[in-house]
């Protein structure tokens, strides 16, 4: 396969597109974030990268907390809207019709319509250039009961999540494997019969 050489650029794709809620009763806000991900499993940490000139930047910096709300495909219009409008000018909860919900472990509100919310407390801020990275501890997770089965297992495949790729939003496609499937030994028909 022939390839061309381009200069370095932010072309990692797809990435999650999330709605970050922050603030307090006087200054609740929503901001769309595409630069986000998990940093560590133990302790659970994630990051969001935010431009210092964004309205939410100072809110998060001063409060030291935020919620990462994973949007379903039904929320794509609100997700896009919150990425192109400023909370300085409008109340984004009211403008999008999204519902504020009390969080379990942080003071800022989360989004009731989000199937999964990661409640975070800022650990450190790292200036990186165009964005500053907020590294945060995930102190609680709010999970919609509709994506939990009768055994308490999370069924994230039923959350109808979306992804972002170079300016476009996408629904997630069909499952093509699961973790470790490439090295897992397959049960043969003979072995299954012997077990009966």
N, C-alpha and C. Protein backbone atom coordinates (compact mmCIF):
# COMPACT_ATOMS: atom_id res chain seq x y z
N UNK A 1 0.85 -1.18 0.00
CA UNK A 1 0.00 0.00 0.00
C UNK A 1 0.89 1.24 0.00
N UNK A 2 0.75 2.09 -0.98
CA UNK A 2 1.55 3.32 -1.07
C UNK A 2 1.04 4.36 -0.09
N UNK A 3 1.96 5.07 0.56
CA UNK A 3 1.59 6.13 1.50
C UNK A 3 2.33 7.41 1.17
N UNK A 4 1.69 8.54 1.51
CA UNK A 4 2.31 9.85 1.35
C UNK A 4 2.82 10.33 2.71
N UNK A 5 3.85 11.14 2.71
CA UNK A 5 4.40 11.72 3.93
C UNK A 5 3.78 13.09 4.17
N UNK A 6 3.04 13.26 5.26
CA UNK A 6 2.48 14.54 5.67
C UNK A 6 3.20 14.98 6.94
N UNK A 7 3.15 16.28 7.23
CA UNK A 7 3.70 16.75 8.50
C UNK A 7 2.82 16.26 9.65
N UNK A 8 3.37 16.25 10.87
CA UNK A 8 2.62 15.78 12.02
C UNK A 8 1.35 16.57 12.24
N UNK A 9 0.27 15.88 12.59
CA UNK A 9 -1.02 16.54 12.81
C UNK A 9 -1.91 15.72 13.71
N UNK A 10 -2.97 16.33 14.22
CA UNK A 10 -3.90 15.67 15.16
C UNK A 10 -4.90 14.83 14.37
N UNK A 11 -4.47 13.71 13.85
CA UNK A 11 -5.33 12.88 13.00
C UNK A 11 -5.67 11.52 13.61
N UNK A 12 -5.54 11.39 14.92
CA UNK A 12 -5.98 10.15 15.55
C UNK A 12 -7.49 10.05 15.39
N UNK A 13 -7.98 8.91 14.93
CA UNK A 13 -9.42 8.76 14.71
C UNK A 13 -9.77 7.27 14.69
N UNK A 14 -10.99 6.91 15.08
CA UNK A 14 -11.99 7.78 15.71
C UNK A 14 -11.64 8.05 17.16
N UNK A 15 -12.29 9.06 17.72
CA UNK A 15 -12.13 9.39 19.13
C UNK A 15 -13.52 9.54 19.75
N UNK A 16 -13.61 9.43 21.07
CA UNK A 16 -14.91 9.71 21.68
C UNK A 16 -15.21 11.20 21.60
N UNK A 17 -16.45 11.54 21.46
CA UNK A 17 -16.89 12.94 21.60
C UNK A 17 -17.80 12.92 22.81
N UNK A 18 -17.48 13.73 23.82
CA UNK A 18 -18.22 13.68 25.07
C UNK A 18 -18.74 15.07 25.43
N UNK A 19 -19.73 15.10 26.27
CA UNK A 19 -20.25 16.35 26.82
C UNK A 19 -19.75 16.46 28.25
N UNK A 20 -18.93 17.45 28.50
CA UNK A 20 -18.41 17.68 29.84
C UNK A 20 -19.29 18.74 30.52
N UNK A 21 -19.79 18.39 31.68
CA UNK A 21 -20.57 19.36 32.47
C UNK A 21 -19.68 19.84 33.61
N UNK A 22 -19.84 21.12 33.94
CA UNK A 22 -19.00 21.72 34.97
C UNK A 22 -19.74 22.88 35.61
N UNK A 23 -19.20 23.37 36.72
CA UNK A 23 -19.75 24.56 37.33
C UNK A 23 -20.56 24.31 38.58
N UNK A 24 -21.37 25.30 38.88
CA UNK A 24 -22.23 25.27 40.06
C UNK A 24 -23.55 25.93 39.69
N UNK A 25 -24.39 26.19 40.67
CA UNK A 25 -25.72 26.76 40.37
C UNK A 25 -25.62 28.09 39.65
N UNK A 26 -24.59 28.87 39.95
CA UNK A 26 -24.43 30.18 39.31
C UNK A 26 -23.86 30.07 37.90
N UNK A 27 -23.07 29.03 37.64
CA UNK A 27 -22.37 28.97 36.35
C UNK A 27 -22.26 27.55 35.82
N UNK A 28 -23.39 26.85 35.70
CA UNK A 28 -23.38 25.52 35.07
C UNK A 28 -23.06 25.67 33.60
N UNK A 29 -22.30 24.75 33.06
CA UNK A 29 -22.02 24.80 31.63
C UNK A 29 -21.79 23.41 31.08
N UNK A 30 -21.92 23.32 29.76
CA UNK A 30 -21.62 22.10 29.00
C UNK A 30 -20.62 22.47 27.92
N UNK A 31 -19.65 21.60 27.70
CA UNK A 31 -18.67 21.80 26.64
C UNK A 31 -18.43 20.46 25.94
N UNK A 32 -18.38 20.49 24.64
CA UNK A 32 -18.06 19.28 23.87
C UNK A 32 -16.55 19.12 23.83
N UNK A 33 -16.10 17.92 24.15
CA UNK A 33 -14.66 17.62 24.17
C UNK A 33 -14.40 16.40 23.28
N UNK A 34 -13.45 16.55 22.38
CA UNK A 34 -13.02 15.42 21.55
C UNK A 34 -11.69 14.85 22.00
N UNK A 35 -10.88 15.67 22.68
CA UNK A 35 -9.58 15.19 23.15
C UNK A 35 -9.74 14.69 24.57
N UNK A 36 -10.03 13.41 24.71
CA UNK A 36 -10.24 12.79 26.01
C UNK A 36 -9.89 11.31 25.95
N UNK A 37 -9.57 10.75 27.09
CA UNK A 37 -9.28 9.32 27.14
C UNK A 37 -8.88 8.90 28.54
N UNK A 38 -8.73 7.59 28.72
CA UNK A 38 -8.31 7.03 29.98
C UNK A 38 -6.79 7.12 30.08
N UNK A 39 -6.29 7.52 31.25
CA UNK A 39 -4.84 7.59 31.49
C UNK A 39 -4.34 6.39 32.28
N UNK A 40 -5.15 5.91 33.23
CA UNK A 40 -4.73 4.81 34.09
C UNK A 40 -5.96 4.08 34.60
N UNK A 41 -5.76 2.79 34.88
CA UNK A 41 -6.84 1.97 35.41
C UNK A 41 -6.88 2.01 36.93
N UNK A 42 -5.70 1.92 37.56
CA UNK A 42 -5.59 1.91 39.03
C UNK A 42 -4.58 2.96 39.46
N UNK A 43 -4.96 4.05 40.06
CA UNK A 43 -6.34 4.49 40.27
C UNK A 43 -6.95 4.94 38.95
N UNK A 44 -8.28 4.88 38.83
CA UNK A 44 -8.90 5.26 37.56
C UNK A 44 -8.75 6.75 37.28
N UNK A 45 -8.11 7.07 36.16
CA UNK A 45 -7.87 8.46 35.79
C UNK A 45 -8.20 8.65 34.31
N UNK A 46 -8.65 9.85 34.00
CA UNK A 46 -8.83 10.22 32.60
C UNK A 46 -8.33 11.63 32.41
N UNK A 47 -8.31 12.04 31.15
CA UNK A 47 -7.90 13.42 30.86
C UNK A 47 -8.91 14.04 29.90
N UNK A 48 -9.00 15.35 29.98
CA UNK A 48 -9.65 16.13 28.94
C UNK A 48 -8.69 17.27 28.61
N UNK A 49 -8.60 17.61 27.34
CA UNK A 49 -7.76 18.74 26.93
C UNK A 49 -8.67 19.88 26.50
N UNK A 50 -8.45 21.06 27.08
CA UNK A 50 -9.32 22.21 26.87
C UNK A 50 -8.46 23.43 26.51
N UNK A 51 -8.92 24.21 25.54
CA UNK A 51 -8.23 25.46 25.20
C UNK A 51 -8.46 26.46 26.35
N UNK A 52 -7.40 27.15 26.79
CA UNK A 52 -7.55 28.11 27.89
C UNK A 52 -8.56 29.22 27.62
N UNK A 53 -8.80 29.56 26.36
CA UNK A 53 -9.76 30.63 26.07
C UNK A 53 -11.22 30.18 26.13
N UNK A 54 -11.46 28.89 26.29
CA UNK A 54 -12.84 28.41 26.37
C UNK A 54 -13.46 28.80 27.71
N UNK A 55 -14.75 29.11 27.69
CA UNK A 55 -15.48 29.53 28.89
C UNK A 55 -15.39 28.50 30.02
N UNK A 56 -15.46 27.22 29.67
CA UNK A 56 -15.43 26.16 30.69
C UNK A 56 -14.07 25.99 31.34
N UNK A 57 -13.02 26.46 30.69
CA UNK A 57 -11.66 26.26 31.20
C UNK A 57 -11.52 26.81 32.62
N UNK A 58 -11.88 28.07 32.83
CA UNK A 58 -11.74 28.68 34.16
C UNK A 58 -12.69 28.04 35.18
N UNK A 59 -13.88 27.65 34.72
CA UNK A 59 -14.84 27.00 35.62
C UNK A 59 -14.23 25.71 36.17
N UNK A 60 -13.66 24.89 35.28
CA UNK A 60 -13.06 23.62 35.70
C UNK A 60 -11.82 23.87 36.55
N UNK A 61 -11.00 24.83 36.14
CA UNK A 61 -9.78 25.13 36.89
C UNK A 61 -10.09 25.58 38.31
N UNK A 62 -11.11 26.43 38.47
CA UNK A 62 -11.44 26.94 39.79
C UNK A 62 -12.18 25.92 40.66
N UNK A 63 -13.09 25.16 40.06
CA UNK A 63 -13.87 24.19 40.84
C UNK A 63 -13.10 22.91 41.11
N UNK A 64 -12.19 22.55 40.20
CA UNK A 64 -11.42 21.33 40.36
C UNK A 64 -12.20 20.06 40.11
N UNK A 65 -13.31 20.18 39.38
CA UNK A 65 -14.12 18.99 39.10
C UNK A 65 -14.92 19.16 37.83
N UNK A 66 -15.37 18.03 37.27
CA UNK A 66 -16.22 18.03 36.08
C UNK A 66 -16.80 16.64 35.91
N UNK A 67 -17.78 16.52 35.03
CA UNK A 67 -18.37 15.23 34.69
C UNK A 67 -18.20 14.99 33.19
N UNK A 68 -17.76 13.79 32.84
CA UNK A 68 -17.69 13.38 31.44
C UNK A 68 -18.93 12.55 31.16
N UNK A 69 -19.85 13.12 30.38
CA UNK A 69 -21.11 12.48 30.05
C UNK A 69 -20.99 11.86 28.66
N UNK A 70 -21.12 10.51 28.58
CA UNK A 70 -21.04 9.85 27.29
C UNK A 70 -22.39 10.00 26.59
N UNK A 71 -22.42 10.62 25.41
CA UNK A 71 -23.70 10.84 24.75
C UNK A 71 -24.13 9.66 23.89
N UNK A 72 -25.43 9.43 23.85
CA UNK A 72 -25.99 8.46 22.90
C UNK A 72 -26.20 9.18 21.57
N UNK A 73 -26.49 8.41 20.54
CA UNK A 73 -26.70 9.02 19.22
C UNK A 73 -27.89 9.99 19.23
N UNK A 74 -28.84 9.78 20.14
CA UNK A 74 -29.99 10.70 20.24
C UNK A 74 -29.56 12.09 20.69
N UNK A 75 -28.37 12.18 21.29
CA UNK A 75 -27.87 13.44 21.83
C UNK A 75 -26.93 14.16 20.87
N UNK A 76 -26.78 13.67 19.63
CA UNK A 76 -25.76 14.21 18.72
C UNK A 76 -25.98 15.69 18.40
N UNK A 77 -27.21 16.13 18.25
CA UNK A 77 -27.46 17.54 17.95
C UNK A 77 -27.01 18.43 19.13
N UNK A 78 -27.33 18.01 20.35
CA UNK A 78 -26.90 18.76 21.54
C UNK A 78 -25.37 18.73 21.66
N UNK A 79 -24.78 17.58 21.37
CA UNK A 79 -23.32 17.45 21.41
C UNK A 79 -22.66 18.44 20.46
N UNK A 80 -23.15 18.51 19.25
CA UNK A 80 -22.58 19.43 18.27
C UNK A 80 -22.81 20.88 18.69
N UNK A 81 -24.02 21.18 19.12
CA UNK A 81 -24.38 22.55 19.53
C UNK A 81 -23.45 23.05 20.64
N UNK A 82 -23.19 22.20 21.63
CA UNK A 82 -22.36 22.61 22.76
C UNK A 82 -20.90 22.79 22.38
N UNK A 83 -20.52 22.32 21.21
CA UNK A 83 -19.17 22.50 20.72
C UNK A 83 -18.98 23.76 19.90
N UNK A 84 -20.07 24.37 19.47
CA UNK A 84 -19.96 25.55 18.60
C UNK A 84 -20.59 26.81 19.22
N UNK A 85 -21.18 26.71 20.38
CA UNK A 85 -21.75 27.85 21.08
C UNK A 85 -21.06 28.02 22.42
N UNK A 86 -20.95 29.24 22.89
CA UNK A 86 -20.27 29.52 24.15
C UNK A 86 -21.25 29.66 25.30
N UNK A 87 -20.88 29.10 26.44
CA UNK A 87 -21.67 29.25 27.65
C UNK A 87 -21.64 30.66 28.20
N UNK A 88 -20.75 31.51 27.69
CA UNK A 88 -20.75 32.93 28.08
C UNK A 88 -22.03 33.59 27.62
N UNK A 89 -22.57 33.13 26.50
CA UNK A 89 -23.71 33.79 25.86
C UNK A 89 -25.06 33.14 26.14
N UNK A 90 -25.06 31.84 26.41
CA UNK A 90 -26.33 31.12 26.57
C UNK A 90 -26.21 30.06 27.65
N UNK A 91 -27.36 29.65 28.17
CA UNK A 91 -27.43 28.50 29.08
C UNK A 91 -27.60 27.27 28.19
N UNK A 92 -26.58 26.46 28.11
CA UNK A 92 -26.62 25.33 27.17
C UNK A 92 -27.58 24.23 27.61
N UNK A 93 -27.80 24.07 28.92
CA UNK A 93 -28.81 23.10 29.36
C UNK A 93 -30.17 23.51 28.81
N UNK A 94 -30.51 24.78 28.96
CA UNK A 94 -31.82 25.25 28.46
C UNK A 94 -31.88 25.20 26.94
N UNK A 95 -30.81 25.62 26.27
CA UNK A 95 -30.81 25.67 24.80
C UNK A 95 -30.92 24.30 24.17
N UNK A 96 -30.36 23.28 24.80
CA UNK A 96 -30.40 21.93 24.23
C UNK A 96 -31.56 21.09 24.75
N UNK A 97 -32.17 21.52 25.84
CA UNK A 97 -33.24 20.72 26.44
C UNK A 97 -32.72 19.56 27.27
N UNK A 98 -31.41 19.51 27.52
CA UNK A 98 -30.86 18.44 28.36
C UNK A 98 -31.18 18.72 29.83
N UNK A 99 -31.31 17.65 30.59
CA UNK A 99 -31.75 17.74 31.98
C UNK A 99 -30.58 17.65 32.94
N UNK A 100 -30.51 18.60 33.87
CA UNK A 100 -29.48 18.55 34.92
C UNK A 100 -29.83 17.44 35.90
N UNK A 101 -28.80 16.74 36.35
CA UNK A 101 -28.99 15.66 37.33
C UNK A 101 -27.94 15.80 38.41
N UNK A 102 -28.34 15.55 39.66
CA UNK A 102 -27.37 15.59 40.75
C UNK A 102 -26.33 14.49 40.55
N UNK A 103 -25.09 14.81 40.85
CA UNK A 103 -24.02 13.83 40.77
C UNK A 103 -23.86 13.15 42.11
N UNK A 104 -23.16 12.01 42.13
CA UNK A 104 -22.97 11.25 43.36
C UNK A 104 -21.81 11.79 44.20
N UNK A 105 -20.69 12.19 43.55
CA UNK A 105 -19.48 12.50 44.31
C UNK A 105 -18.87 13.87 44.02
N UNK A 106 -19.47 14.62 43.09
CA UNK A 106 -18.98 15.97 42.80
C UNK A 106 -20.16 16.94 42.87
N UNK A 107 -19.84 18.23 42.97
CA UNK A 107 -20.90 19.24 43.12
C UNK A 107 -21.55 19.61 41.80
N UNK A 108 -20.80 19.52 40.70
CA UNK A 108 -21.39 19.93 39.41
C UNK A 108 -22.45 18.92 38.96
N UNK A 109 -23.35 19.41 38.13
CA UNK A 109 -24.44 18.57 37.64
C UNK A 109 -23.94 17.67 36.51
N UNK A 110 -24.62 16.56 36.33
CA UNK A 110 -24.39 15.68 35.19
C UNK A 110 -25.62 15.78 34.29
N UNK A 111 -25.62 15.02 33.21
CA UNK A 111 -26.72 15.06 32.24
C UNK A 111 -27.56 13.80 32.41
N UNK A 112 -28.83 13.97 32.74
CA UNK A 112 -29.71 12.84 32.99
C UNK A 112 -29.84 11.92 31.78
N UNK A 113 -29.83 12.48 30.58
CA UNK A 113 -30.02 11.69 29.36
C UNK A 113 -28.80 10.85 28.98
N UNK A 114 -27.66 11.13 29.57
CA UNK A 114 -26.45 10.38 29.25
C UNK A 114 -26.50 8.99 29.87
N UNK A 115 -26.22 7.94 29.08
CA UNK A 115 -26.28 6.59 29.64
C UNK A 115 -25.17 6.28 30.63
N UNK A 116 -24.07 7.03 30.58
CA UNK A 116 -22.95 6.78 31.47
C UNK A 116 -22.23 8.10 31.74
N UNK A 117 -21.98 8.39 33.01
CA UNK A 117 -21.29 9.62 33.40
C UNK A 117 -20.13 9.28 34.32
N UNK A 118 -18.96 9.83 34.00
CA UNK A 118 -17.77 9.66 34.83
C UNK A 118 -17.57 10.96 35.61
N UNK A 119 -17.69 10.88 36.92
CA UNK A 119 -17.54 12.06 37.78
C UNK A 119 -16.06 12.19 38.17
N UNK A 120 -15.49 13.37 37.95
CA UNK A 120 -14.04 13.53 38.05
C UNK A 120 -13.62 14.69 38.93
N UNK A 121 -12.48 14.50 39.61
CA UNK A 121 -11.82 15.56 40.37
C UNK A 121 -10.43 15.76 39.80
N UNK A 122 -10.10 17.01 39.49
CA UNK A 122 -8.83 17.33 38.84
C UNK A 122 -7.66 17.02 39.76
N UNK A 123 -6.68 16.31 39.21
CA UNK A 123 -5.45 15.98 39.92
C UNK A 123 -4.35 16.96 39.54
N UNK A 124 -4.18 17.22 38.24
CA UNK A 124 -3.17 18.16 37.78
C UNK A 124 -3.54 18.72 36.41
N UNK A 125 -2.96 19.86 36.11
CA UNK A 125 -3.18 20.52 34.81
C UNK A 125 -1.81 20.64 34.14
N UNK A 126 -1.73 20.17 32.90
CA UNK A 126 -0.48 20.21 32.17
C UNK A 126 -0.65 21.07 30.93
N UNK A 127 0.05 22.21 30.84
CA UNK A 127 0.00 23.03 29.61
C UNK A 127 0.71 22.29 28.48
N UNK A 128 0.05 22.21 27.32
CA UNK A 128 0.62 21.45 26.20
C UNK A 128 0.76 22.26 24.91
N UNK A 129 0.33 23.49 24.89
CA UNK A 129 0.35 24.28 23.65
C UNK A 129 -1.02 24.88 23.44
N UNK A 130 -1.72 24.47 22.40
CA UNK A 130 -3.05 25.00 22.14
C UNK A 130 -4.05 24.62 23.23
N UNK A 131 -3.83 23.49 23.91
CA UNK A 131 -4.72 22.99 24.95
C UNK A 131 -3.94 22.74 26.23
N UNK A 132 -4.65 22.80 27.35
CA UNK A 132 -4.12 22.33 28.63
C UNK A 132 -4.83 21.02 28.95
N UNK A 133 -4.07 20.05 29.44
CA UNK A 133 -4.63 18.75 29.79
C UNK A 133 -4.98 18.72 31.27
N UNK A 134 -6.26 18.46 31.56
CA UNK A 134 -6.72 18.25 32.93
C UNK A 134 -6.70 16.74 33.18
N UNK A 135 -5.78 16.30 34.03
CA UNK A 135 -5.76 14.89 34.42
C UNK A 135 -6.58 14.78 35.69
N UNK A 136 -7.52 13.85 35.71
CA UNK A 136 -8.48 13.79 36.82
C UNK A 136 -8.70 12.37 37.31
N UNK A 137 -9.01 12.27 38.59
CA UNK A 137 -9.41 10.99 39.18
C UNK A 137 -10.89 10.78 38.90
N UNK A 138 -11.24 9.58 38.47
CA UNK A 138 -12.66 9.22 38.30
C UNK A 138 -13.14 8.75 39.66
N UNK A 139 -13.94 9.58 40.33
CA UNK A 139 -14.33 9.29 41.71
C UNK A 139 -15.68 8.58 41.81
N UNK A 140 -16.45 8.60 40.74
CA UNK A 140 -17.74 7.89 40.72
C UNK A 140 -18.17 7.72 39.27
N UNK A 141 -18.99 6.71 39.05
CA UNK A 141 -19.57 6.48 37.72
C UNK A 141 -21.07 6.31 37.90
N UNK A 142 -21.84 7.07 37.13
CA UNK A 142 -23.30 6.96 37.16
C UNK A 142 -23.73 6.19 35.91
N UNK A 143 -24.41 5.07 36.11
CA UNK A 143 -24.78 4.19 35.00
C UNK A 143 -26.30 4.07 34.93
N UNK A 144 -26.84 4.34 33.75
CA UNK A 144 -28.28 4.19 33.53
C UNK A 144 -28.66 2.72 33.72
N UNK A 145 -29.70 2.47 34.51
CA UNK A 145 -30.11 1.09 34.79
C UNK A 145 -30.51 0.31 33.55
N UNK A 146 -30.88 1.01 32.48
CA UNK A 146 -31.30 0.31 31.26
C UNK A 146 -30.14 -0.41 30.57
N UNK A 147 -28.90 -0.10 30.94
CA UNK A 147 -27.76 -0.79 30.31
C UNK A 147 -27.04 -1.71 31.31
N UNK A 148 -27.78 -2.12 32.35
CA UNK A 148 -27.26 -3.09 33.32
C UNK A 148 -28.17 -4.32 33.25
N UNK A 149 -27.58 -5.51 33.05
CA UNK A 149 -28.43 -6.70 32.96
C UNK A 149 -28.80 -7.22 34.34
N UNK A 150 -29.59 -8.30 34.38
CA UNK A 150 -30.10 -8.82 35.65
C UNK A 150 -29.01 -9.33 36.58
N UNK A 151 -27.81 -9.60 36.02
CA UNK A 151 -26.68 -10.05 36.84
C UNK A 151 -25.76 -8.90 37.25
N UNK A 152 -26.15 -7.66 36.93
CA UNK A 152 -25.35 -6.51 37.28
C UNK A 152 -24.23 -6.20 36.30
N UNK A 153 -24.23 -6.88 35.14
CA UNK A 153 -23.18 -6.65 34.14
C UNK A 153 -23.52 -5.44 33.29
N UNK A 154 -22.52 -4.59 33.06
CA UNK A 154 -22.68 -3.43 32.20
C UNK A 154 -22.79 -3.89 30.76
N UNK A 155 -23.83 -3.45 30.07
CA UNK A 155 -24.03 -3.78 28.65
C UNK A 155 -23.85 -2.50 27.84
N UNK A 156 -22.60 -2.04 27.75
CA UNK A 156 -22.30 -0.79 27.08
C UNK A 156 -22.71 -0.82 25.61
N UNK A 157 -22.79 -2.01 25.05
CA UNK A 157 -23.22 -2.15 23.65
C UNK A 157 -24.66 -1.69 23.44
N UNK A 158 -25.43 -1.55 24.52
CA UNK A 158 -26.82 -1.09 24.42
C UNK A 158 -26.95 0.42 24.69
N UNK A 159 -25.83 1.09 24.91
CA UNK A 159 -25.87 2.53 25.23
C UNK A 159 -26.01 3.40 23.99
N UNK A 160 -25.84 2.84 22.80
CA UNK A 160 -26.00 3.58 21.53
C UNK A 160 -25.04 4.77 21.47
N UNK A 161 -23.76 4.52 21.82
CA UNK A 161 -22.76 5.57 21.84
C UNK A 161 -22.32 5.96 20.43
N UNK A 162 -21.63 7.08 20.33
CA UNK A 162 -21.16 7.56 19.04
C UNK A 162 -19.67 7.85 19.09
N UNK A 163 -19.09 8.12 17.93
CA UNK A 163 -17.67 8.46 17.84
C UNK A 163 -17.52 9.65 16.90
N UNK A 164 -16.35 10.28 16.98
CA UNK A 164 -16.04 11.46 16.18
C UNK A 164 -14.79 11.15 15.36
N UNK A 165 -14.82 11.50 14.08
CA UNK A 165 -13.68 11.25 13.23
C UNK A 165 -13.49 12.38 12.24
N UNK A 166 -12.50 13.21 12.50
CA UNK A 166 -12.07 14.26 11.58
C UNK A 166 -13.23 15.12 11.06
N UNK A 167 -14.05 15.61 12.00
CA UNK A 167 -15.14 16.52 11.63
C UNK A 167 -16.50 15.88 11.45
N UNK A 168 -16.60 14.56 11.59
CA UNK A 168 -17.87 13.87 11.40
C UNK A 168 -18.20 12.99 12.60
N UNK A 169 -19.51 12.85 12.88
CA UNK A 169 -19.99 11.98 13.95
C UNK A 169 -20.45 10.66 13.32
N UNK A 170 -20.18 9.56 14.02
CA UNK A 170 -20.55 8.24 13.53
C UNK A 170 -21.20 7.41 14.62
N UNK A 171 -22.15 6.58 14.25
CA UNK A 171 -22.65 5.57 15.18
C UNK A 171 -21.64 4.43 15.16
N UNK A 172 -21.60 3.69 16.25
CA UNK A 172 -20.70 2.55 16.29
C UNK A 172 -21.30 1.41 15.49
N UNK A 173 -20.49 0.69 14.77
CA UNK A 173 -20.96 -0.39 13.90
C UNK A 173 -21.10 -1.71 14.62
N UNK A 174 -21.12 -2.78 13.83
CA UNK A 174 -21.31 -4.11 14.41
C UNK A 174 -20.04 -4.58 15.10
N UNK A 175 -20.21 -5.42 16.08
CA UNK A 175 -19.09 -5.98 16.82
C UNK A 175 -18.31 -6.93 15.91
N UNK A 176 -16.98 -6.78 15.90
CA UNK A 176 -16.15 -7.64 15.05
C UNK A 176 -15.17 -8.49 15.85
N UNK A 177 -15.22 -8.41 17.15
CA UNK A 177 -14.35 -9.20 18.01
C UNK A 177 -14.47 -8.70 19.43
N UNK A 178 -13.83 -9.41 20.36
CA UNK A 178 -13.77 -8.94 21.74
C UNK A 178 -12.33 -9.11 22.23
N UNK A 179 -12.02 -8.49 23.35
CA UNK A 179 -10.64 -8.47 23.83
C UNK A 179 -10.10 -9.88 24.00
N UNK A 180 -8.98 -10.16 23.36
CA UNK A 180 -8.32 -11.46 23.47
C UNK A 180 -8.79 -12.51 22.49
N UNK A 181 -9.74 -12.18 21.61
CA UNK A 181 -10.28 -13.20 20.71
C UNK A 181 -9.22 -13.76 19.76
N UNK A 182 -8.19 -12.98 19.45
CA UNK A 182 -7.18 -13.42 18.49
C UNK A 182 -6.29 -14.54 19.03
N UNK A 183 -6.22 -14.69 20.34
CA UNK A 183 -5.36 -15.72 20.92
C UNK A 183 -6.15 -16.78 21.70
N UNK A 184 -7.44 -16.60 21.80
CA UNK A 184 -8.27 -17.52 22.56
C UNK A 184 -8.37 -18.85 21.82
N UNK A 185 -8.25 -19.95 22.56
CA UNK A 185 -8.39 -21.27 21.95
C UNK A 185 -9.85 -21.53 21.68
N UNK A 186 -10.11 -22.05 20.49
CA UNK A 186 -11.49 -22.37 20.13
C UNK A 186 -11.84 -23.76 20.64
N UNK A 187 -13.04 -23.91 21.14
CA UNK A 187 -13.50 -25.23 21.55
C UNK A 187 -13.87 -26.01 20.31
N UNK A 188 -13.40 -27.22 20.23
CA UNK A 188 -13.75 -28.05 19.07
C UNK A 188 -15.03 -28.79 19.36
N UNK A 189 -15.66 -29.25 18.32
CA UNK A 189 -16.91 -29.99 18.47
C UNK A 189 -16.67 -31.25 19.28
N UNK A 190 -15.53 -31.91 19.07
CA UNK A 190 -15.22 -33.14 19.80
C UNK A 190 -15.09 -32.85 21.29
N UNK A 191 -14.42 -31.78 21.66
CA UNK A 191 -14.26 -31.46 23.08
C UNK A 191 -15.60 -31.15 23.72
N UNK A 192 -16.49 -30.47 22.97
CA UNK A 192 -17.81 -30.16 23.51
C UNK A 192 -18.60 -31.44 23.75
N UNK A 193 -18.49 -32.41 22.83
CA UNK A 193 -19.23 -33.67 22.98
C UNK A 193 -18.73 -34.45 24.18
N UNK A 194 -17.39 -34.45 24.40
CA UNK A 194 -16.81 -35.17 25.51
C UNK A 194 -17.26 -34.62 26.86
N UNK A 195 -17.56 -33.35 26.89
CA UNK A 195 -17.99 -32.72 28.14
C UNK A 195 -19.43 -33.08 28.49
N UNK A 196 -20.18 -33.58 27.54
CA UNK A 196 -21.60 -33.89 27.79
C UNK A 196 -21.77 -35.15 28.53
